[in-house]
Amino acid sequence: MVERLTRVRGVGLWTAEMFLMFGLGRPDVWPVRDLGLRRAAARLFGVAPEALPAFGEAFRPYRSHLAWY
């Protein structure tokens, strides 16, 4: 779905991921490039940006909820 959405001019990865989370209500989207998520993960859990994908694996299939809150 992300690949199809990003083919649309002006729609990037972040926009596609946010659409999946908030527009379609997908429960397992992990937007690792999102600045807010990166800052929160670093502040609350001490997770470096490069470790964010692996960190999110423990929260499957509900990563959208973690990213949102």
PDB file of N, CA and C in Angstrom:
ATOM      1  N   MET A   1       0.825  -1.185   0.000  1.00  0.00           N
ATOM      2  CA  MET A   1       0.000   0.000   0.000  1.00  0.00           C
ATOM      3  C   MET A   1       0.874   1.256   0.000  1.00  0.00           C
ATOM      4  N   VAL A   2       1.933   1.256   0.788  1.00  0.00           N
ATOM      5  CA  VAL A   2       2.824   2.424   0.850  1.00  0.00           C
ATOM      6  C   VAL A   2       3.427   2.689  -0.524  1.00  0.00           C
ATOM      7  N   GLU A   3       3.819   1.639  -1.199  1.00  0.00           N
ATOM      8  CA  GLU A   3       4.419   1.801  -2.525  1.00  0.00           C
ATOM      9  C   GLU A   3       3.442   2.456  -3.496  1.00  0.00           C
ATOM     10  N   ARG A   4       2.197   2.042  -3.450  1.00  0.00           N
ATOM     11  CA  ARG A   4       1.189   2.630  -4.337  1.00  0.00           C
ATOM     12  C   ARG A   4       0.931   4.088  -3.981  1.00  0.00           C
ATOM     13  N   LEU A   5       0.850   4.385  -2.702  1.00  0.00           N
ATOM     14  CA  LEU A   5       0.575   5.758  -2.277  1.00  0.00           C
ATOM     15  C   LEU A   5       1.714   6.703  -2.650  1.00  0.00           C
ATOM     16  N   THR A   6       2.945   6.243  -2.496  1.00  0.00           N
ATOM     17  CA  THR A   6       4.088   7.121  -2.770  1.00  0.00           C
ATOM     18  C   THR A   6       4.322   7.336  -4.260  1.00  0.00           C
ATOM     19  N   ARG A   7       3.618   6.624  -5.106  1.00  0.00           N
ATOM     20  CA  ARG A   7       3.681   6.891  -6.547  1.00  0.00           C
ATOM     21  C   ARG A   7       2.956   8.185  -6.899  1.00  0.00           C
ATOM     22  N   VAL A   8       2.063   8.609  -6.023  1.00  0.00           N
ATOM     23  CA  VAL A   8       1.315   9.847  -6.250  1.00  0.00           C
ATOM     24  C   VAL A   8       2.255  11.025  -6.008  1.00  0.00           C
ATOM     25  N   ARG A   9       2.290  11.937  -6.938  1.00  0.00           N
ATOM     26  CA  ARG A   9       3.170  13.105  -6.818  1.00  0.00           C
ATOM     27  C   ARG A   9       2.831  13.880  -5.545  1.00  0.00           C
ATOM     28  N   GLY A  10       3.851  14.157  -4.754  1.00  0.00           N
ATOM     29  CA  GLY A  10       3.670  14.924  -3.531  1.00  0.00           C
ATOM     30  C   GLY A  10       3.415  14.081  -2.298  1.00  0.00           C
ATOM     31  N   VAL A  11       3.235  12.781  -2.473  1.00  0.00           N
ATOM     32  CA  VAL A  11       3.006  11.888  -1.333  1.00  0.00           C
ATOM     33  C   VAL A  11       4.294  11.122  -1.067  1.00  0.00           C
ATOM     34  N   GLY A  12       4.867  11.371   0.091  1.00  0.00           N
ATOM     35  CA  GLY A  12       6.095  10.684   0.477  1.00  0.00           C
ATOM     36  C   GLY A  12       5.810   9.580   1.481  1.00  0.00           C
ATOM     37  N   LEU A  13       6.865   8.980   1.968  1.00  0.00           N
ATOM     38  CA  LEU A  13       6.739   7.868   2.904  1.00  0.00           C
ATOM     39  C   LEU A  13       6.008   8.283   4.178  1.00  0.00           C
ATOM     40  N   TRP A  14       6.381   9.432   4.740  1.00  0.00           N
ATOM     41  CA  TRP A  14       5.741   9.879   5.978  1.00  0.00           C
ATOM     42  C   TRP A  14       4.240  10.076   5.776  1.00  0.00           C
ATOM     43  N   THR A  15       3.859  10.727   4.698  1.00  0.00           N
ATOM     44  CA  THR A  15       2.446  10.972   4.413  1.00  0.00           C
ATOM     45  C   THR A  15       1.692   9.660   4.251  1.00  0.00           C
ATOM     46  N   ALA A  16       2.281   8.717   3.536  1.00  0.00           N
ATOM     47  CA  ALA A  16       1.644   7.417   3.329  1.00  0.00           C
ATOM     48  C   ALA A  16       1.458   6.685   4.656  1.00  0.00           C
ATOM     49  N   GLU A  17       2.470   6.715   5.504  1.00  0.00           N
ATOM     50  CA  GLU A  17       2.364   6.038   6.804  1.00  0.00           C
ATOM     51  C   GLU A  17       1.312   6.693   7.689  1.00  0.00           C
ATOM     52  N   MET A  18       1.254   8.013   7.685  1.00  0.00           N
ATOM     53  CA  MET A  18       0.239   8.698   8.486  1.00  0.00           C
ATOM     54  C   MET A  18      -1.166   8.401   7.961  1.00  0.00           C
ATOM     55  N   PHE A  19      -1.308   8.307   6.646  1.00  0.00           N
ATOM     56  CA  PHE A  19      -2.603   7.953   6.062  1.00  0.00           C
ATOM     57  C   PHE A  19      -3.023   6.553   6.499  1.00  0.00           C
ATOM     58  N   LEU A  20      -2.084   5.625   6.496  1.00  0.00           N
ATOM     59  CA  LEU A  20      -2.411   4.267   6.932  1.00  0.00           C
ATOM     60  C   LEU A  20      -2.837   4.245   8.399  1.00  0.00           C
ATOM     61  N   MET A  21      -2.141   5.005   9.230  1.00  0.00           N
ATOM     62  CA  MET A  21      -2.461   5.035  10.659  1.00  0.00           C
ATOM     63  C   MET A  21      -3.781   5.737  10.939  1.00  0.00           C
ATOM     64  N   PHE A  22      -3.901   6.963  10.463  1.00  0.00           N
ATOM     65  CA  PHE A  22      -5.039   7.795  10.845  1.00  0.00           C
ATOM     66  C   PHE A  22      -6.208   7.736   9.871  1.00  0.00           C
ATOM     67  N   GLY A  23      -5.912   7.545   8.597  1.00  0.00           N
ATOM     68  CA  GLY A  23      -6.980   7.475   7.603  1.00  0.00           C
ATOM     69  C   GLY A  23      -7.636   6.114   7.537  1.00  0.00           C
ATOM     70  N   LEU A  24      -6.803   5.078   7.569  1.00  0.00           N
ATOM     71  CA  LEU A  24      -7.329   3.719   7.449  1.00  0.00           C
ATOM     72  C   LEU A  24      -7.365   2.965   8.773  1.00  0.00           C
ATOM     73  N   GLY A  25      -6.775   3.551   9.809  1.00  0.00           N
ATOM     74  CA  GLY A  25      -6.802   2.914  11.125  1.00  0.00           C
ATOM     75  C   GLY A  25      -5.985   1.640  11.217  1.00  0.00           C
ATOM     76  N   ARG A  26      -4.930   1.541  10.439  1.00  0.00           N
ATOM     77  CA  ARG A  26      -4.080   0.351  10.479  1.00  0.00           C
ATOM     78  C   ARG A  26      -3.345   0.300  11.818  1.00  0.00           C
ATOM     79  N   PRO A  27      -3.396  -0.824  12.517  1.00  0.00           N
ATOM     80  CA  PRO A  27      -2.820  -0.908  13.856  1.00  0.00           C
ATOM     81  C   PRO A  27      -1.314  -1.155  13.904  1.00  0.00           C
ATOM     82  N   ASP A  28      -0.696  -1.526  12.778  1.00  0.00           N
ATOM     83  CA  ASP A  28       0.715  -1.906  12.832  1.00  0.00           C
ATOM     84  C   ASP A  28       1.573  -1.130  11.836  1.00  0.00           C
ATOM     85  N   VAL A  29       1.615   0.177  12.006  1.00  0.00           N
ATOM     86  CA  VAL A  29       2.486   1.034  11.195  1.00  0.00           C
ATOM     87  C   VAL A  29       3.547   1.590  12.139  1.00  0.00           C
ATOM     88  N   TRP A  30       4.793   1.532  11.737  1.00  0.00           N
ATOM     89  CA  TRP A  30       5.894   1.990  12.589  1.00  0.00           C
ATOM     90  C   TRP A  30       6.720   3.018  11.816  1.00  0.00           C
ATOM     91  N   PRO A  31       6.339   4.301  11.896  1.00  0.00           N
ATOM     92  CA  PRO A  31       6.973   5.355  11.087  1.00  0.00           C
ATOM     93  C   PRO A  31       8.321   5.807  11.655  1.00  0.00           C
ATOM     94  N   VAL A  32       9.356   5.012  11.425  1.00  0.00           N
ATOM     95  CA  VAL A  32      10.662   5.256  12.046  1.00  0.00           C
ATOM     96  C   VAL A  32      11.320   6.568  11.622  1.00  0.00           C
ATOM     97  N   ARG A  33      10.859   7.183  10.552  1.00  0.00           N
ATOM     98  CA  ARG A  33      11.434   8.465  10.122  1.00  0.00           C
ATOM     99  C   ARG A  33      10.704   9.665  10.720  1.00  0.00           C
ATOM    100  N   ASP A  34       9.647   9.398  11.485  1.00  0.00           N
ATOM    101  CA  ASP A  34       8.866  10.473  12.088  1.00  0.00           C
ATOM    102  C   ASP A  34       9.665  11.118  13.219  1.00  0.00           C
ATOM    103  N   LEU A  35       9.846  12.417  13.142  1.00  0.00           N
ATOM    104  CA  LEU A  35      10.663  13.130  14.123  1.00  0.00           C
ATOM    105  C   LEU A  35      10.095  13.029  15.533  1.00  0.00           C
ATOM    106  N   GLY A  36       8.790  13.123  15.669  1.00  0.00           N
ATOM    107  CA  GLY A  36       8.173  13.014  16.991  1.00  0.00           C
ATOM    108  C   GLY A  36       8.412  11.653  17.619  1.00  0.00           C
ATOM    109  N   LEU A  37       8.297  10.607  16.821  1.00  0.00           N
ATOM    110  CA  LEU A  37       8.546   9.248  17.322  1.00  0.00           C
ATOM    111  C   LEU A  37      10.007   9.086  17.718  1.00  0.00           C
ATOM    112  N   ARG A  38      10.897   9.608  16.905  1.00  0.00           N
ATOM    113  CA  ARG A  38      12.327   9.513  17.224  1.00  0.00           C
ATOM    114  C   ARG A  38      12.656  10.219  18.539  1.00  0.00           C
ATOM    115  N   ARG A  39      12.110  11.405  18.703  1.00  0.00           N
ATOM    116  CA  ARG A  39      12.385  12.165  19.933  1.00  0.00           C
ATOM    117  C   ARG A  39      11.793  11.483  21.160  1.00  0.00           C
ATOM    118  N   ALA A  40      10.571  10.990  21.032  1.00  0.00           N
ATOM    119  CA  ALA A  40       9.921  10.313  22.159  1.00  0.00           C
ATOM    120  C   ALA A  40      10.658   9.031  22.525  1.00  0.00           C
ATOM    121  N   ALA A  41      11.063   8.254  21.535  1.00  0.00           N
ATOM    122  CA  ALA A  41      11.779   7.003  21.805  1.00  0.00           C
ATOM    123  C   ALA A  41      13.108   7.282  22.496  1.00  0.00           C
ATOM    124  N   ALA A  42      13.785   8.332  22.076  1.00  0.00           N
ATOM    125  CA  ALA A  42      15.060   8.692  22.701  1.00  0.00           C
ATOM    126  C   ALA A  42      14.852   9.175  24.126  1.00  0.00           C
ATOM    127  N   ARG A  43      13.862  10.029  24.320  1.00  0.00           N
ATOM    128  CA  ARG A  43      13.622  10.613  25.634  1.00  0.00           C
ATOM    129  C   ARG A  43      13.078   9.586  26.636  1.00  0.00           C
ATOM    130  N   LEU A  44      12.107   8.809  26.224  1.00  0.00           N
ATOM    131  CA  LEU A  44      11.439   7.889  27.147  1.00  0.00           C
ATOM    132  C   LEU A  44      12.150   6.556  27.328  1.00  0.00           C
ATOM    133  N   PHE A  45      12.781   6.062  26.254  1.00  0.00           N
ATOM    134  CA  PHE A  45      13.354   4.720  26.308  1.00  0.00           C
ATOM    135  C   PHE A  45      14.852   4.678  26.033  1.00  0.00           C
ATOM    136  N   GLY A  46      15.442   5.823  25.688  1.00  0.00           N
ATOM    137  CA  GLY A  46      16.866   5.859  25.385  1.00  0.00           C
ATOM    138  C   GLY A  46      17.228   5.138  24.094  1.00  0.00           C
ATOM    139  N   VAL A  47      16.293   5.092  23.145  1.00  0.00           N
ATOM    140  CA  VAL A  47      16.503   4.379  21.885  1.00  0.00           C
ATOM    141  C   VAL A  47      17.056   5.333  20.829  1.00  0.00           C
ATOM    142  N   ALA A  48      18.185   4.971  20.252  1.00  0.00           N
ATOM    143  CA  ALA A  48      18.786   5.758  19.175  1.00  0.00           C
ATOM    144  C   ALA A  48      17.991   5.552  17.889  1.00  0.00           C
ATOM    145  N   PRO A  49      17.980   6.543  16.995  1.00  0.00           N
ATOM    146  CA  PRO A  49      17.212   6.423  15.748  1.00  0.00           C
ATOM    147  C   PRO A  49      17.509   5.160  14.943  1.00  0.00           C
ATOM    148  N   GLU A  50      18.774   4.762  14.889  1.00  0.00           N
ATOM    149  CA  GLU A  50      19.122   3.571  14.110  1.00  0.00           C
ATOM    150  C   GLU A  50      18.615   2.273  14.749  1.00  0.00           C
ATOM    151  N   ALA A  51      18.298   2.306  16.045  1.00  0.00           N
ATOM    152  CA  ALA A  51      17.779   1.124  16.741  1.00  0.00           C
ATOM    153  C   ALA A  51      16.251   1.083  16.768  1.00  0.00           C
ATOM    154  N   LEU A  52      15.615   2.111  16.252  1.00  0.00           N
ATOM    155  CA  LEU A  52      14.152   2.211  16.303  1.00  0.00           C
ATOM    156  C   LEU A  52      13.425   1.068  15.590  1.00  0.00           C
ATOM    157  N   PRO A  53      13.858   0.632  14.404  1.00  0.00           N
ATOM    158  CA  PRO A  53      13.150  -0.489  13.770  1.00  0.00           C
ATOM    159  C   PRO A  53      13.145  -1.750  14.636  1.00  0.00           C
ATOM    160  N   ALA A  54      14.272  -2.099  15.201  1.00  0.00           N
ATOM    161  CA  ALA A  54      14.353  -3.292  16.053  1.00  0.00           C
ATOM    162  C   ALA A  54      13.538  -3.110  17.331  1.00  0.00           C
ATOM    163  N   PHE A  55      13.571  -1.921  17.902  1.00  0.00           N
ATOM    164  CA  PHE A  55      12.807  -1.635  19.121  1.00  0.00           C
ATOM    165  C   PHE A  55      11.316  -1.853  18.890  1.00  0.00           C
ATOM    166  N   GLY A  56      10.827  -1.456  17.738  1.00  0.00           N
ATOM    167  CA  GLY A  56       9.407  -1.578  17.427  1.00  0.00           C
ATOM    168  C   GLY A  56       8.915  -3.002  17.281  1.00  0.00           C
ATOM    169  N   GLU A  57       9.805  -3.928  16.987  1.00  0.00           N
ATOM    170  CA  GLU A  57       9.398  -5.320  16.779  1.00  0.00           C
ATOM    171  C   GLU A  57       8.686  -5.913  17.993  1.00  0.00           C
ATOM    172  N   ALA A  58       9.069  -5.514  19.174  1.00  0.00           N
ATOM    173  CA  ALA A  58       8.451  -6.051  20.395  1.00  0.00           C
ATOM    174  C   ALA A  58       6.988  -5.647  20.535  1.00  0.00           C
ATOM    175  N   PHE A  59       6.564  -4.659  19.789  1.00  0.00           N
ATOM    176  CA  PHE A  59       5.205  -4.134  19.934  1.00  0.00           C
ATOM    177  C   PHE A  59       4.273  -4.530  18.791  1.00  0.00           C
ATOM    178  N   ARG A  60       4.739  -5.423  17.903  1.00  0.00           N
ATOM    179  CA  ARG A  60       3.858  -5.938  16.848  1.00  0.00           C
ATOM    180  C   ARG A  60       2.700  -6.670  17.484  1.00  0.00           C
ATOM    181  N   PRO A  61       1.538  -6.631  16.993  1.00  0.00           N
ATOM    182  CA  PRO A  61       1.021  -5.960  15.814  1.00  0.00           C
ATOM    183  C   PRO A  61       0.323  -4.641  16.140  1.00  0.00           C
ATOM    184  N   TYR A  62       0.774  -3.960  17.177  1.00  0.00           N
ATOM    185  CA  TYR A  62       0.105  -2.718  17.600  1.00  0.00           C
ATOM    186  C   TYR A  62       1.047  -1.523  17.641  1.00  0.00           C
ATOM    187  N   ARG A  63       1.992  -1.465  16.735  1.00  0.00           N
ATOM    188  CA  ARG A  63       2.991  -0.391  16.762  1.00  0.00           C
ATOM    189  C   ARG A  63       2.403   0.983  16.493  1.00  0.00           C
ATOM    190  N   SER A  64       1.319   1.057  15.752  1.00  0.00           N
ATOM    191  CA  SER A  64       0.683   2.360  15.505  1.00  0.00           C
ATOM    192  C   SER A  64       0.267   3.010  16.815  1.00  0.00           C
ATOM    193  N   HIS A  65      -0.249   2.205  17.721  1.00  0.00           N
ATOM    194  CA  HIS A  65      -0.708   2.734  19.005  1.00  0.00           C
ATOM    195  C   HIS A  65       0.464   3.282  19.817  1.00  0.00           C
ATOM    196  N   LEU A  66       1.565   2.586  19.812  1.00  0.00           N
ATOM    197  CA  LEU A  66       2.757   3.071  20.513  1.00  0.00           C
ATOM    198  C   LEU A  66       3.264   4.362  19.871  1.00  0.00           C
ATOM    199  N   ALA A  67       3.286   4.399  18.550  1.00  0.00           N
ATOM    200  CA  ALA A  67       3.761   5.593  17.839  1.00  0.00           C
ATOM    201  C   ALA A  67       2.863   6.788  18.112  1.00  0.00           C
ATOM    202  N   TRP A  68       1.582   6.553  18.207  1.00  0.00           N
ATOM    203  CA  TRP A  68       0.618   7.625  18.414  1.00  0.00           C
ATOM    204  C   TRP A  68       0.737   8.215  19.817  1.00  0.00           C
ATOM    205  N   TYR A  69       0.923   7.374  20.798  1.00  0.00           N
ATOM    206  CA  TYR A  69       0.981   7.846  22.175  1.00  0.00           C
ATOM    207  C   TYR A  69       2.392   8.071  22.626  1.00  0.00           C
TER     208      TYR A  69
END
